[in-house]
Amino acid sequence: QVQLVESGGGLVQAGESLRLSCAASGRAFSIDAWGWYRQAPGKQRELVAGITSGGSTNYVDSVKGRFTISRDNAKNTVYLQMNNLKPEDAAVYYCYVDVYIGALRYGYWGQGTQVTVSS
């Protein structure tokens, strides 16, 4: 089992920044890829940003140039730096991780952290 703990959400004004963190813990696992998702009320959960084991990143078009995903392999942690936040970025943000435990691949979700952006 792998546990994910998210932090960093909150209430900000449009144009401000937030940094989300998600740390993984558990026994005998190796992390492959990370992702940050978000879900706004009445909308489907969407992938915001992803980062592979090799460090390749991808972003949804609406956040390109404003959000940056990064990972600290030594700390089993992923970050999402969110700059120039807009009201439409408001959502619950979830981290997701793909891990290997032995030869098997598993996916785990964080508990979610609320991001609120006032205009």
C-alpha atoms as a PDB file:
ATOM      1  CA  GLN A   1       0.000   0.000   0.000  1.00  0.00           C
ATOM      2  CA  VAL A   2       1.030   3.547  -0.738  1.00  0.00           C
ATOM      3  CA  GLN A   3      -0.361   6.593   1.013  1.00  0.00           C
ATOM      4  CA  LEU A   4      -0.472  10.053  -0.526  1.00  0.00           C
ATOM      5  CA  VAL A   5      -0.717  13.228   1.509  1.00  0.00           C
ATOM      6  CA  GLU A   6      -1.478  16.481  -0.259  1.00  0.00           C
ATOM      7  CA  SER A   7      -0.968  19.984   1.006  1.00  0.00           C
ATOM      8  CA  GLY A   8      -0.874  23.549  -0.204  1.00  0.00           C
ATOM      9  CA  GLY A   9      -4.406  24.366  -1.260  1.00  0.00           C
ATOM     10  CA  GLY A  10      -6.208  27.480  -0.128  1.00  0.00           C
ATOM     11  CA  LEU A  11      -7.979  30.681  -1.037  1.00  0.00           C
ATOM     12  CA  VAL A  12      -6.193  33.219  -3.207  1.00  0.00           C
ATOM     13  CA  GLN A  13      -7.079  36.153  -5.381  1.00  0.00           C
ATOM     14  CA  ALA A  14      -6.838  36.027  -9.144  1.00  0.00           C
ATOM     15  CA  GLY A  15      -3.280  36.555 -10.269  1.00  0.00           C
ATOM     16  CA  GLU A  16      -1.729  35.056  -7.154  1.00  0.00           C
ATOM     17  CA  SER A  17       0.157  31.798  -6.787  1.00  0.00           C
ATOM     18  CA  LEU A  18      -0.083  28.537  -4.883  1.00  0.00           C
ATOM     19  CA  ARG A  19       2.170  25.521  -4.632  1.00  0.00           C
ATOM     20  CA  LEU A  20       0.653  22.104  -4.101  1.00  0.00           C
ATOM     21  CA  SER A  21       2.641  19.195  -2.731  1.00  0.00           C
ATOM     22  CA  CYS A  22       1.909  15.501  -2.626  1.00  0.00           C
ATOM     23  CA  ALA A  23       4.104  13.064  -0.737  1.00  0.00           C
ATOM     24  CA  ALA A  24       4.010   9.305  -1.095  1.00  0.00           C
ATOM     25  CA  SER A  25       4.856   6.878   1.672  1.00  0.00           C
ATOM     26  CA  GLY A  26       4.724   3.147   2.106  1.00  0.00           C
ATOM     27  CA  ARG A  27       6.916   0.104   1.821  1.00  0.00           C
ATOM     28  CA  ALA A  28       8.871  -1.353  -1.054  1.00  0.00           C
ATOM     29  CA  PHE A  29       7.555   0.693  -3.935  1.00  0.00           C
ATOM     30  CA  SER A  30       9.064   2.609  -6.791  1.00  0.00           C
ATOM     31  CA  ILE A  31       7.361   5.553  -8.361  1.00  0.00           C
ATOM     32  CA  ASP A  32       6.819   5.728 -12.080  1.00  0.00           C
ATOM     33  CA  ALA A  33       4.654   8.652 -13.133  1.00  0.00           C
ATOM     34  CA  TRP A  34       2.794  11.373 -11.275  1.00  0.00           C
ATOM     35  CA  GLY A  35      -0.217  13.385 -12.237  1.00  0.00           C
ATOM     36  CA  TRP A  36      -2.232  16.291 -10.919  1.00  0.00           C
ATOM     37  CA  TYR A  37      -5.954  16.263 -11.637  1.00  0.00           C
ATOM     38  CA  ARG A  38      -8.699  18.672 -10.742  1.00  0.00           C
ATOM     39  CA  GLN A  39     -12.442  18.524 -10.454  1.00  0.00           C
ATOM     40  CA  ALA A  40     -14.708  21.531 -10.292  1.00  0.00           C
ATOM     41  CA  PRO A  41     -18.356  21.266  -9.183  1.00  0.00           C
ATOM     42  CA  GLY A  42     -20.486  19.756 -11.921  1.00  0.00           C
ATOM     43  CA  LYS A  43     -17.497  18.945 -14.102  1.00  0.00           C
ATOM     44  CA  GLN A  44     -15.520  15.833 -14.840  1.00  0.00           C
ATOM     45  CA  ARG A  45     -12.131  15.286 -13.307  1.00  0.00           C
ATOM     46  CA  GLU A  46      -9.428  16.382 -15.728  1.00  0.00           C
ATOM     47  CA  LEU A  47      -5.715  15.842 -15.974  1.00  0.00           C
ATOM     48  CA  VAL A  48      -3.950  19.133 -15.347  1.00  0.00           C
ATOM     49  CA  ALA A  49      -0.327  18.062 -15.535  1.00  0.00           C
ATOM     50  CA  GLY A  50       1.742  14.906 -15.592  1.00  0.00           C
ATOM     51  CA  ILE A  51       5.378  13.996 -15.185  1.00  0.00           C
ATOM     52  CA  THR A  52       7.038  10.732 -16.123  1.00  0.00           C
ATOM     53  CA  SER A  53       9.878   8.891 -14.458  1.00  0.00           C
ATOM     54  CA  GLY A  54      12.203  10.462 -16.969  1.00  0.00           C
ATOM     55  CA  GLY A  55      11.011  13.956 -16.186  1.00  0.00           C
ATOM     56  CA  SER A  56       8.894  14.541 -19.275  1.00  0.00           C
ATOM     57  CA  THR A  57       5.928  16.753 -18.573  1.00  0.00           C
ATOM     58  CA  ASN A  58       2.584  17.470 -20.153  1.00  0.00           C
ATOM     59  CA  TYR A  59      -0.094  20.034 -19.405  1.00  0.00           C
ATOM     60  CA  VAL A  60      -3.661  20.752 -20.297  1.00  0.00           C
ATOM     61  CA  ASP A  61      -3.752  23.722 -22.650  1.00  0.00           C
ATOM     62  CA  SER A  62      -5.533  25.982 -20.175  1.00  0.00           C
ATOM     63  CA  VAL A  63      -2.603  25.954 -17.728  1.00  0.00           C
ATOM     64  CA  LYS A  64       0.364  25.964 -20.078  1.00  0.00           C
ATOM     65  CA  GLY A  65       2.750  28.753 -19.199  1.00  0.00           C
ATOM     66  CA  ARG A  66       1.202  29.218 -15.752  1.00  0.00           C
ATOM     67  CA  PHE A  67       1.559  25.852 -13.987  1.00  0.00           C
ATOM     68  CA  THR A  68       4.699  23.790 -13.502  1.00  0.00           C
ATOM     69  CA  ILE A  69       4.836  20.204 -12.314  1.00  0.00           C
ATOM     70  CA  SER A  70       8.021  18.887 -10.757  1.00  0.00           C
ATOM     71  CA  ARG A  71       9.111  15.921  -8.699  1.00  0.00           C
ATOM     72  CA  ASP A  72      11.662  15.224  -5.985  1.00  0.00           C
ATOM     73  CA  ASN A  73      12.518  11.562  -6.279  1.00  0.00           C
ATOM     74  CA  ALA A  74      14.503  11.529  -3.042  1.00  0.00           C
ATOM     75  CA  LYS A  75      11.443  12.721  -1.145  1.00  0.00           C
ATOM     76  CA  ASN A  76       8.855  10.771  -3.170  1.00  0.00           C
ATOM     77  CA  THR A  77       7.075  14.057  -3.669  1.00  0.00           C
ATOM     78  CA  VAL A  78       5.464  15.868  -6.560  1.00  0.00           C
ATOM     79  CA  TYR A  79       4.723  19.573  -6.733  1.00  0.00           C
ATOM     80  CA  LEU A  80       2.426  21.772  -8.747  1.00  0.00           C
ATOM     81  CA  GLN A  81       3.434  25.402  -8.887  1.00  0.00           C
ATOM     82  CA  MET A  82       0.431  27.425  -9.965  1.00  0.00           C
ATOM     83  CA  ASN A  83       1.039  31.018 -10.993  1.00  0.00           C
ATOM     84  CA  ASN A  84      -1.323  33.686 -12.247  1.00  0.00           C
ATOM     85  CA  LEU A  85      -4.313  31.766 -10.942  1.00  0.00           C
ATOM     86  CA  LYS A  86      -7.670  32.418 -12.521  1.00  0.00           C
ATOM     87  CA  PRO A  87     -11.179  31.888 -11.132  1.00  0.00           C
ATOM     88  CA  GLU A  88     -11.622  29.016 -13.590  1.00  0.00           C
ATOM     89  CA  ASP A  89      -8.728  27.190 -11.903  1.00  0.00           C
ATOM     90  CA  ALA A  90     -10.811  26.774  -8.766  1.00  0.00           C
ATOM     91  CA  ALA A  91     -11.382  23.098  -8.055  1.00  0.00           C
ATOM     92  CA  VAL A  92     -10.397  20.239  -5.837  1.00  0.00           C
ATOM     93  CA  TYR A  93      -6.942  19.141  -6.914  1.00  0.00           C
ATOM     94  CA  TYR A  94      -5.914  15.506  -6.644  1.00  0.00           C
ATOM     95  CA  CYS A  95      -2.523  13.970  -7.078  1.00  0.00           C
ATOM     96  CA  TYR A  96      -2.189  10.556  -8.647  1.00  0.00           C
ATOM     97  CA  VAL A  97       0.793   8.248  -8.722  1.00  0.00           C
ATOM     98  CA  ASP A  98       1.658   5.107 -10.653  1.00  0.00           C
ATOM     99  CA  VAL A  99       3.955   2.841  -8.680  1.00  0.00           C
ATOM    100  CA  TYR A 100       5.564  -0.533  -9.021  1.00  0.00           C
ATOM    101  CA  ILE A 101       5.400  -2.921  -6.099  1.00  0.00           C
ATOM    102  CA  GLY A 102       7.480  -5.815  -7.237  1.00  0.00           C
ATOM    103  CA  ALA A 103       6.489  -6.470 -10.832  1.00  0.00           C
ATOM    104  CA  LEU A 104       2.961  -5.178 -10.428  1.00  0.00           C
ATOM    105  CA  ARG A 105       1.759  -1.671 -11.244  1.00  0.00           C
ATOM    106  CA  TYR A 106      -0.707   0.179  -9.050  1.00  0.00           C
ATOM    107  CA  GLY A 107      -2.300   3.601  -9.044  1.00  0.00           C
ATOM    108  CA  TYR A 108      -3.142   5.688  -6.008  1.00  0.00           C
ATOM    109  CA  TRP A 109      -5.026   8.942  -5.437  1.00  0.00           C
ATOM    110  CA  GLY A 110      -4.455  11.655  -2.912  1.00  0.00           C
ATOM    111  CA  GLN A 111      -7.267  12.908  -0.717  1.00  0.00           C
ATOM    112  CA  GLY A 112      -7.693  16.149  -2.636  1.00  0.00           C
ATOM    113  CA  THR A 113      -6.999  19.731  -1.697  1.00  0.00           C
ATOM    114  CA  GLN A 114      -9.313  22.659  -2.358  1.00  0.00           C
ATOM    115  CA  VAL A 115      -8.116  25.584  -4.450  1.00  0.00           C
ATOM    116  CA  THR A 116     -10.370  28.634  -4.440  1.00  0.00           C
ATOM    117  CA  VAL A 117      -9.649  31.677  -6.582  1.00  0.00           C
ATOM    118  CA  SER A 118     -11.567  34.888  -6.058  1.00  0.00           C
ATOM    119  CA  SER A 119     -11.876  37.457  -8.810  1.00  0.00           C
END
